[in-house]
Amino acid sequence: MGLISLLVTWPAAPIRVVIRLGELIEEQIEREAHDPAAVRRRLEEIERSRAAGLISAEEQEEAVEQVLQEMVGRPALMDDPEAGAEGERR
């Protein structure tokens, strides 16, 4: 029975590999998003950009808010009230 199941499932092996690769990438992104050192580096980069005049104060606030929302795992809501209502329903 093992040989038959191997022959039947073998064509799907590349799909399973791609799915697993996607899962591994997602896990790594989650780890990095919640890593305090990575978050601190991102916040410091935002601060350096503001100090260098590359971004405005408003852009800095938005970037910091986005980093903090990613850290806690909540998706950023857009300024569109309809988008916010959809996000609350989910």
PDB file of N, CA and C in Angstrom:
ATOM      1  N   MET A   1       0.815  -1.184   0.000  1.00  0.00           N
ATOM      2  CA  MET A   1       0.000   0.000   0.000  1.00  0.00           C
ATOM      3  C   MET A   1       0.866   1.258   0.000  1.00  0.00           C
ATOM      4  N   GLY A   2       2.017   1.253   0.597  1.00  0.00           N
ATOM      5  CA  GLY A   2       2.889   2.410   0.657  1.00  0.00           C
ATOM      6  C   GLY A   2       3.369   2.846  -0.704  1.00  0.00           C
ATOM      7  N   LEU A   3       3.684   1.895  -1.582  1.00  0.00           N
ATOM      8  CA  LEU A   3       4.147   2.213  -2.924  1.00  0.00           C
ATOM      9  C   LEU A   3       3.041   2.872  -3.735  1.00  0.00           C
ATOM     10  N   ILE A   4       1.829   2.378  -3.593  1.00  0.00           N
ATOM     11  CA  ILE A   4       0.696   2.944  -4.333  1.00  0.00           C
ATOM     12  C   ILE A   4       0.431   4.376  -3.874  1.00  0.00           C
ATOM     13  N   SER A   5       0.430   4.598  -2.574  1.00  0.00           N
ATOM     14  CA  SER A   5       0.181   5.959  -2.088  1.00  0.00           C
ATOM     15  C   SER A   5       1.313   6.893  -2.498  1.00  0.00           C
ATOM     16  N   LEU A   6       2.549   6.400  -2.548  1.00  0.00           N
ATOM     17  CA  LEU A   6       3.676   7.208  -3.008  1.00  0.00           C
ATOM     18  C   LEU A   6       3.482   7.606  -4.467  1.00  0.00           C
ATOM     19  N   LEU A   7       3.070   6.673  -5.290  1.00  0.00           N
ATOM     20  CA  LEU A   7       2.855   6.966  -6.705  1.00  0.00           C
ATOM     21  C   LEU A   7       1.700   7.938  -6.922  1.00  0.00           C
ATOM     22  N   VAL A   8       0.673   7.833  -6.092  1.00  0.00           N
ATOM     23  CA  VAL A   8      -0.488   8.702  -6.231  1.00  0.00           C
ATOM     24  C   VAL A   8      -0.166  10.124  -5.744  1.00  0.00           C
ATOM     25  N   THR A   9       0.569  10.238  -4.659  1.00  0.00           N
ATOM     26  CA  THR A   9       0.850  11.556  -4.081  1.00  0.00           C
ATOM     27  C   THR A   9       2.099  12.213  -4.658  1.00  0.00           C
ATOM     28  N   TRP A  10       2.912  11.481  -5.385  1.00  0.00           N
ATOM     29  CA  TRP A  10       4.160  12.025  -5.914  1.00  0.00           C
ATOM     30  C   TRP A  10       3.962  13.249  -6.806  1.00  0.00           C
ATOM     31  N   PRO A  11       2.978  13.276  -7.698  1.00  0.00           N
ATOM     32  CA  PRO A  11       2.813  14.473  -8.540  1.00  0.00           C
ATOM     33  C   PRO A  11       2.525  15.747  -7.740  1.00  0.00           C
ATOM     34  N   ALA A  12       1.966  15.623  -6.574  1.00  0.00           N
ATOM     35  CA  ALA A  12       1.640  16.793  -5.756  1.00  0.00           C
ATOM     36  C   ALA A  12       2.818  17.248  -4.898  1.00  0.00           C
ATOM     37  N   ALA A  13       3.925  16.552  -4.916  1.00  0.00           N
ATOM     38  CA  ALA A  13       5.071  16.882  -4.068  1.00  0.00           C
ATOM     39  C   ALA A  13       5.580  18.308  -4.303  1.00  0.00           C
ATOM     40  N   PRO A  14       5.728  18.778  -5.541  1.00  0.00           N
ATOM     41  CA  PRO A  14       6.200  20.160  -5.723  1.00  0.00           C
ATOM     42  C   PRO A  14       5.269  21.198  -5.102  1.00  0.00           C
ATOM     43  N   ILE A  15       3.984  20.929  -5.147  1.00  0.00           N
ATOM     44  CA  ILE A  15       3.015  21.856  -4.551  1.00  0.00           C
ATOM     45  C   ILE A  15       3.192  21.890  -3.040  1.00  0.00           C
ATOM     46  N   ARG A  16       3.378  20.730  -2.421  1.00  0.00           N
ATOM     47  CA  ARG A  16       3.595  20.672  -0.973  1.00  0.00           C
ATOM     48  C   ARG A  16       4.881  21.396  -0.589  1.00  0.00           C
ATOM     49  N   VAL A  17       5.909  21.282  -1.423  1.00  0.00           N
ATOM     50  CA  VAL A  17       7.178  21.966  -1.145  1.00  0.00           C
ATOM     51  C   VAL A  17       6.988  23.477  -1.187  1.00  0.00           C
ATOM     52  N   VAL A  18       6.268  23.969  -2.185  1.00  0.00           N
ATOM     53  CA  VAL A  18       6.026  25.410  -2.301  1.00  0.00           C
ATOM     54  C   VAL A  18       5.199  25.909  -1.118  1.00  0.00           C
ATOM     55  N   ILE A  19       4.203  25.143  -0.718  1.00  0.00           N
ATOM     56  CA  ILE A  19       3.379  25.521   0.429  1.00  0.00           C
ATOM     57  C   ILE A  19       4.226  25.577   1.692  1.00  0.00           C
ATOM     58  N   ARG A  20       5.068  24.586   1.902  1.00  0.00           N
ATOM     59  CA  ARG A  20       5.926  24.566   3.095  1.00  0.00           C
ATOM     60  C   ARG A  20       6.915  25.733   3.083  1.00  0.00           C
ATOM     61  N   LEU A  21       7.453  26.039   1.905  1.00  0.00           N
ATOM     62  CA  LEU A  21       8.368  27.177   1.783  1.00  0.00           C
ATOM     63  C   LEU A  21       7.653  28.469   2.165  1.00  0.00           C
ATOM     64  N   GLY A  22       6.435  28.634   1.708  1.00  0.00           N
ATOM     65  CA  GLY A  22       5.638  29.803   2.082  1.00  0.00           C
ATOM     66  C   GLY A  22       5.406  29.876   3.583  1.00  0.00           C
ATOM     67  N   GLU A  23       5.131  28.730   4.198  1.00  0.00           N
ATOM     68  CA  GLU A  23       4.931  28.694   5.651  1.00  0.00           C
ATOM     69  C   GLU A  23       6.203  29.090   6.388  1.00  0.00           C
ATOM     70  N   LEU A  24       7.351  28.601   5.918  1.00  0.00           N
ATOM     71  CA  LEU A  24       8.625  28.949   6.552  1.00  0.00           C
ATOM     72  C   LEU A  24       8.919  30.440   6.425  1.00  0.00           C
ATOM     73  N   ILE A  25       8.638  31.008   5.259  1.00  0.00           N
ATOM     74  CA  ILE A  25       8.852  32.442   5.070  1.00  0.00           C
ATOM     75  C   ILE A  25       7.941  33.237   5.992  1.00  0.00           C
ATOM     76  N   GLU A  26       6.687  32.818   6.100  1.00  0.00           N
ATOM     77  CA  GLU A  26       5.742  33.498   6.984  1.00  0.00           C
ATOM     78  C   GLU A  26       6.203  33.435   8.445  1.00  0.00           C
ATOM     79  N   GLU A  27       6.694  32.278   8.877  1.00  0.00           N
ATOM     80  CA  GLU A  27       7.193  32.140  10.249  1.00  0.00           C
ATOM     81  C   GLU A  27       8.368  33.080  10.502  1.00  0.00           C
ATOM     82  N   GLN A  28       9.278  33.185   9.523  1.00  0.00           N
ATOM     83  CA  GLN A  28      10.441  34.064   9.676  1.00  0.00           C
ATOM     84  C   GLN A  28      10.005  35.526   9.752  1.00  0.00           C
ATOM     85  N   ILE A  29       9.044  35.908   8.940  1.00  0.00           N
ATOM     86  CA  ILE A  29       8.537  37.279   8.976  1.00  0.00           C
ATOM     87  C   ILE A  29       7.901  37.572  10.327  1.00  0.00           C
ATOM     88  N   GLU A  30       7.142  36.622  10.849  1.00  0.00           N
ATOM     89  CA  GLU A  30       6.522  36.792  12.164  1.00  0.00           C
ATOM     90  C   GLU A  30       7.582  36.973  13.251  1.00  0.00           C
ATOM     91  N   ARG A  31       8.634  36.140  13.200  1.00  0.00           N
ATOM     92  CA  ARG A  31       9.713  36.262  14.187  1.00  0.00           C
ATOM     93  C   ARG A  31      10.368  37.630  14.124  1.00  0.00           C
ATOM     94  N   GLU A  32      10.653  38.084  12.910  1.00  0.00           N
ATOM     95  CA  GLU A  32      11.315  39.375  12.758  1.00  0.00           C
ATOM     96  C   GLU A  32      10.405  40.528  13.162  1.00  0.00           C
ATOM     97  N   ALA A  33       9.122  40.408  12.885  1.00  0.00           N
ATOM     98  CA  ALA A  33       8.184  41.474  13.232  1.00  0.00           C
ATOM     99  C   ALA A  33       8.048  41.634  14.738  1.00  0.00           C
ATOM    100  N   HIS A  34       8.254  40.553  15.482  1.00  0.00           N
ATOM    101  CA  HIS A  34       8.107  40.611  16.928  1.00  0.00           C
ATOM    102  C   HIS A  34       9.445  40.646  17.670  1.00  0.00           C
ATOM    103  N   ASP A  35      10.544  40.671  16.931  1.00  0.00           N
ATOM    104  CA  ASP A  35      11.869  40.729  17.538  1.00  0.00           C
ATOM    105  C   ASP A  35      12.137  42.161  17.997  1.00  0.00           C
ATOM    106  N   PRO A  36      12.333  42.374  19.297  1.00  0.00           N
ATOM    107  CA  PRO A  36      12.553  43.737  19.801  1.00  0.00           C
ATOM    108  C   PRO A  36      13.748  44.439  19.145  1.00  0.00           C
ATOM    109  N   ALA A  37      14.800  43.715  18.847  1.00  0.00           N
ATOM    110  CA  ALA A  37      15.970  44.330  18.218  1.00  0.00           C
ATOM    111  C   ALA A  37      15.637  44.817  16.808  1.00  0.00           C
ATOM    112  N   ALA A  38      14.886  44.032  16.048  1.00  0.00           N
ATOM    113  CA  ALA A  38      14.509  44.421  14.693  1.00  0.00           C
ATOM    114  C   ALA A  38      13.568  45.625  14.718  1.00  0.00           C
ATOM    115  N   VAL A  39      12.634  45.630  15.644  1.00  0.00           N
ATOM    116  CA  VAL A  39      11.704  46.753  15.772  1.00  0.00           C
ATOM    117  C   VAL A  39      12.480  48.014  16.133  1.00  0.00           C
ATOM    118  N   ARG A  40      13.415  47.886  17.049  1.00  0.00           N
ATOM    119  CA  ARG A  40      14.219  49.043  17.454  1.00  0.00           C
ATOM    120  C   ARG A  40      15.027  49.586  16.277  1.00  0.00           C
ATOM    121  N   ARG A  41      15.616  48.682  15.479  1.00  0.00           N
ATOM    122  CA  ARG A  41      16.378  49.119  14.303  1.00  0.00           C
ATOM    123  C   ARG A  41      15.488  49.885  13.330  1.00  0.00           C
ATOM    124  N   ARG A  42      14.279  49.379  13.123  1.00  0.00           N
ATOM    125  CA  ARG A  42      13.360  50.058  12.207  1.00  0.00           C
ATOM    126  C   ARG A  42      12.971  51.434  12.734  1.00  0.00           C
ATOM    127  N   LEU A  43      12.708  51.531  14.034  1.00  0.00           N
ATOM    128  CA  LEU A  43      12.357  52.818  14.619  1.00  0.00           C
ATOM    129  C   LEU A  43      13.533  53.791  14.552  1.00  0.00           C
ATOM    130  N   GLU A  44      14.748  53.294  14.770  1.00  0.00           N
ATOM    131  CA  GLU A  44      15.932  54.144  14.675  1.00  0.00           C
ATOM    132  C   GLU A  44      16.139  54.631  13.243  1.00  0.00           C
ATOM    133  N   GLU A  45      15.872  53.777  12.271  1.00  0.00           N
ATOM    134  CA  GLU A  45      15.999  54.172  10.863  1.00  0.00           C
ATOM    135  C   GLU A  45      14.994  55.268  10.521  1.00  0.00           C
ATOM    136  N   ILE A  46      13.791  55.154  11.032  1.00  0.00           N
ATOM    137  CA  ILE A  46      12.773  56.185  10.820  1.00  0.00           C
ATOM    138  C   ILE A  46      13.243  57.500  11.434  1.00  0.00           C
ATOM    139  N   GLU A  47      13.797  57.421  12.639  1.00  0.00           N
ATOM    140  CA  GLU A  47      14.288  58.616  13.317  1.00  0.00           C
ATOM    141  C   GLU A  47      15.436  59.259  12.538  1.00  0.00           C
ATOM    142  N   ARG A  48      16.345  58.429  12.007  1.00  0.00           N
ATOM    143  CA  ARG A  48      17.461  58.961  11.208  1.00  0.00           C
ATOM    144  C   ARG A  48      16.944  59.628   9.932  1.00  0.00           C
ATOM    145  N   SER A  49      15.926  59.032   9.324  1.00  0.00           N
ATOM    146  CA  SER A  49      15.351  59.617   8.113  1.00  0.00           C
ATOM    147  C   SER A  49      14.729  60.977   8.409  1.00  0.00           C
ATOM    148  N   ARG A  50      14.066  61.086   9.535  1.00  0.00           N
ATOM    149  CA  ARG A  50      13.466  62.362   9.926  1.00  0.00           C
ATOM    150  C   ARG A  50      14.549  63.388  10.218  1.00  0.00           C
ATOM    151  N   ALA A  51      15.600  62.984  10.920  1.00  0.00           N
ATOM    152  CA  ALA A  51      16.685  63.903  11.258  1.00  0.00           C
ATOM    153  C   ALA A  51      17.406  64.382   9.996  1.00  0.00           C
ATOM    154  N   ALA A  52      17.488  63.528   8.987  1.00  0.00           N
ATOM    155  CA  ALA A  52      18.149  63.893   7.736  1.00  0.00           C
ATOM    156  C   ALA A  52      17.226  64.696   6.823  1.00  0.00           C
ATOM    157  N   GLY A  53      15.976  64.852   7.203  1.00  0.00           N
ATOM    158  CA  GLY A  53      15.031  65.616   6.408  1.00  0.00           C
ATOM    159  C   GLY A  53      14.449  64.839   5.235  1.00  0.00           C
ATOM    160  N   LEU A  54      14.580  63.528   5.260  1.00  0.00           N
ATOM    161  CA  LEU A  54      14.067  62.707   4.157  1.00  0.00           C
ATOM    162  C   LEU A  54      12.558  62.482   4.247  1.00  0.00           C
ATOM    163  N   ILE A  55      12.019  62.586   5.458  1.00  0.00           N
ATOM    164  CA  ILE A  55      10.580  62.411   5.657  1.00  0.00           C
ATOM    165  C   ILE A  55      10.060  63.525   6.553  1.00  0.00           C
ATOM    166  N   SER A  56       8.791  63.816   6.444  1.00  0.00           N
ATOM    167  CA  SER A  56       8.170  64.851   7.275  1.00  0.00           C
ATOM    168  C   SER A  56       7.789  64.270   8.633  1.00  0.00           C
ATOM    169  N   ALA A  57       7.366  65.148   9.535  1.00  0.00           N
ATOM    170  CA  ALA A  57       6.938  64.705  10.866  1.00  0.00           C
ATOM    171  C   ALA A  57       5.718  63.795  10.757  1.00  0.00           C
ATOM    172  N   GLU A  58       4.805  64.117   9.825  1.00  0.00           N
ATOM    173  CA  GLU A  58       3.615  63.296   9.647  1.00  0.00           C
ATOM    174  C   GLU A  58       3.985  61.908   9.130  1.00  0.00           C
ATOM    175  N   GLU A  59       4.921  61.876   8.168  1.00  0.00           N
ATOM    176  CA  GLU A  59       5.368  60.590   7.630  1.00  0.00           C
ATOM    177  C   GLU A  59       6.068  59.766   8.714  1.00  0.00           C
ATOM    178  N   GLN A  60       6.800  60.444   9.578  1.00  0.00           N
ATOM    179  CA  GLN A  60       7.468  59.752  10.681  1.00  0.00           C
ATOM    180  C   GLN A  60       6.427  59.138  11.617  1.00  0.00           C
ATOM    181  N   GLU A  61       5.419  59.905  11.958  1.00  0.00           N
ATOM    182  CA  GLU A  61       4.367  59.391  12.842  1.00  0.00           C
ATOM    183  C   GLU A  61       3.672  58.182  12.226  1.00  0.00           C
ATOM    184  N   GLU A  62       3.361  58.271  10.938  1.00  0.00           N
ATOM    185  CA  GLU A  62       2.701  57.157  10.252  1.00  0.00           C
ATOM    186  C   GLU A  62       3.590  55.916  10.224  1.00  0.00           C
ATOM    187  N   ALA A  63       4.890  56.118   9.955  1.00  0.00           N
ATOM    188  CA  ALA A  63       5.814  54.986   9.887  1.00  0.00           C
ATOM    189  C   ALA A  63       5.964  54.327  11.252  1.00  0.00           C
ATOM    190  N   VAL A  64       6.064  55.137  12.295  1.00  0.00           N
ATOM    191  CA  VAL A  64       6.185  54.590  13.655  1.00  0.00           C
ATOM    192  C   VAL A  64       4.918  53.825  14.013  1.00  0.00           C
ATOM    193  N   GLU A  65       3.768  54.396  13.685  1.00  0.00           N
ATOM    194  CA  GLU A  65       2.490  53.726  13.970  1.00  0.00           C
ATOM    195  C   GLU A  65       2.410  52.389  13.239  1.00  0.00           C
ATOM    196  N   GLN A  66       2.860  52.367  11.992  1.00  0.00           N
ATOM    197  CA  GLN A  66       2.825  51.122  11.218  1.00  0.00           C
ATOM    198  C   GLN A  66       3.729  50.068  11.847  1.00  0.00           C
ATOM    199  N   VAL A  67       4.929  50.462  12.265  1.00  0.00           N
ATOM    200  CA  VAL A  67       5.857  49.517  12.897  1.00  0.00           C
ATOM    201  C   VAL A  67       5.237  48.957  14.174  1.00  0.00           C
ATOM    202  N   LEU A  68       4.653  49.821  14.977  1.00  0.00           N
ATOM    203  CA  LEU A  68       4.064  49.364  16.238  1.00  0.00           C
ATOM    204  C   LEU A  68       2.857  48.461  15.999  1.00  0.00           C
ATOM    205  N   GLN A  69       2.047  48.772  14.982  1.00  0.00           N
ATOM    206  CA  GLN A  69       0.895  47.924  14.685  1.00  0.00           C
ATOM    207  C   GLN A  69       1.342  46.556  14.182  1.00  0.00           C
ATOM    208  N   GLU A  70       2.387  46.535  13.373  1.00  0.00           N
ATOM    209  CA  GLU A  70       2.914  45.253  12.895  1.00  0.00           C
ATOM    210  C   GLU A  70       3.462  44.438  14.060  1.00  0.00           C
ATOM    211  N   MET A  71       4.064  45.121  15.021  1.00  0.00           N
ATOM    212  CA  MET A  71       4.659  44.434  16.164  1.00  0.00           C
ATOM    213  C   MET A  71       3.592  43.724  16.998  1.00  0.00           C
ATOM    214  N   VAL A  72       2.446  44.376  17.165  1.00  0.00           N
ATOM    215  CA  VAL A  72       1.390  43.774  17.977  1.00  0.00           C
ATOM    216  C   VAL A  72       0.460  42.903  17.156  1.00  0.00           C
ATOM    217  N   GLY A  73       0.653  42.884  15.835  1.00  0.00           N
ATOM    218  CA  GLY A  73      -0.092  41.967  14.994  1.00  0.00           C
ATOM    219  C   GLY A  73      -1.421  42.461  14.511  1.00  0.00           C
ATOM    220  N   ARG A  74      -1.713  43.730  14.679  1.00  0.00           N
ATOM    221  CA  ARG A  74      -2.967  44.268  14.165  1.00  0.00           C
ATOM    222  C   ARG A  74      -2.702  44.934  12.832  1.00  0.00           C
ATOM    223  N   PRO A  75      -3.543  44.685  11.821  1.00  0.00           N
ATOM    224  CA  PRO A  75      -3.352  45.349  10.532  1.00  0.00           C
ATOM    225  C   PRO A  75      -3.637  46.839  10.645  1.00  0.00           C
ATOM    226  N   ALA A  76      -2.879  47.626   9.919  1.00  0.00           N
ATOM    227  CA  ALA A  76      -3.089  49.071   9.918  1.00  0.00           C
ATOM    228  C   ALA A  76      -4.381  49.391   9.177  1.00  0.00           C
ATOM    229  N   LEU A  77      -5.212  50.229   9.776  1.00  0.00           N
ATOM    230  CA  LEU A  77      -6.446  50.646   9.130  1.00  0.00           C
ATOM    231  C   LEU A  77      -6.157  51.878   8.301  1.00  0.00           C
ATOM    232  N   MET A  78      -6.726  51.916   7.129  1.00  0.00           N
ATOM    233  CA  MET A  78      -6.529  53.060   6.254  1.00  0.00           C
ATOM    234  C   MET A  78      -7.434  54.192   6.713  1.00  0.00           C
ATOM    235  N   ASP A  79      -7.200  55.391   6.189  1.00  0.00           N
ATOM    236  CA  ASP A  79      -8.008  56.549   6.548  1.00  0.00           C
ATOM    237  C   ASP A  79      -9.430  56.442   6.026  1.00  0.00           C
ATOM    238  N   ASP A  80      -9.675  55.524   5.106  1.00  0.00           N
ATOM    239  CA  ASP A  80     -10.989  55.324   4.530  1.00  0.00           C
ATOM    240  C   ASP A  80     -11.916  54.713   5.574  1.00  0.00           C
ATOM    241  N   PRO A  81     -13.003  55.402   5.936  1.00  0.00           N
ATOM    242  CA  PRO A  81     -13.907  54.856   6.968  1.00  0.00           C
ATOM    243  C   PRO A  81     -14.517  53.526   6.575  1.00  0.00           C
ATOM    244  N   GLU A  82     -14.765  53.326   5.273  1.00  0.00           N
ATOM    245  CA  GLU A  82     -15.336  52.053   4.842  1.00  0.00           C
ATOM    246  C   GLU A  82     -14.354  50.920   5.050  1.00  0.00           C
ATOM    247  N   ALA A  83     -13.055  51.181   4.829  1.00  0.00           N
ATOM    248  CA  ALA A  83     -12.035  50.160   5.034  1.00  0.00           C
ATOM    249  C   ALA A  83     -11.966  49.811   6.507  1.00  0.00           C
ATOM    250  N   GLY A  84     -12.124  50.812   7.372  1.00  0.00           N
ATOM    251  CA  GLY A  84     -12.089  50.546   8.806  1.00  0.00           C
ATOM    252  C   GLY A  84     -13.264  49.710   9.245  1.00  0.00           C
ATOM    253  N   ALA A  85     -14.421  49.978   8.651  1.00  0.00           N
ATOM    254  CA  ALA A  85     -15.618  49.195   9.009  1.00  0.00           C
ATOM    255  C   ALA A  85     -15.460  47.756   8.571  1.00  0.00           C
ATOM    256  N   GLU A  86     -14.851  47.541   7.398  1.00  0.00           N
ATOM    257  CA  GLU A  86     -14.644  46.169   6.942  1.00  0.00           C
ATOM    258  C   GLU A  86     -13.681  45.443   7.852  1.00  0.00           C
ATOM    259  N   GLY A  87     -12.628  46.148   8.301  1.00  0.00           N
ATOM    260  CA  GLY A  87     -11.646  45.540   9.169  1.00  0.00           C
ATOM    261  C   GLY A  87     -12.239  45.129  10.496  1.00  0.00           C
ATOM    262  N   GLU A  88     -13.239  45.919  10.980  1.00  0.00           N
ATOM    263  CA  GLU A  88     -13.866  45.590  12.254  1.00  0.00           C
ATOM    264  C   GLU A  88     -14.767  44.380  12.142  1.00  0.00           C
ATOM    265  N   ARG A  89     -15.373  44.171  10.976  1.00  0.00           N
ATOM    266  CA  ARG A  89     -16.267  43.043  10.793  1.00  0.00           C
ATOM    267  C   ARG A  89     -15.530  41.723  10.758  1.00  0.00           C
ATOM    268  N   ARG A  90     -14.292  41.732  10.316  1.00  0.00           N
ATOM    269  CA  ARG A  90     -13.541  40.492  10.150  1.00  0.00           C
ATOM    270  C   ARG A  90     -13.106  39.934  11.436  1.00  0.00           C
TER     271      ARG A  90
END
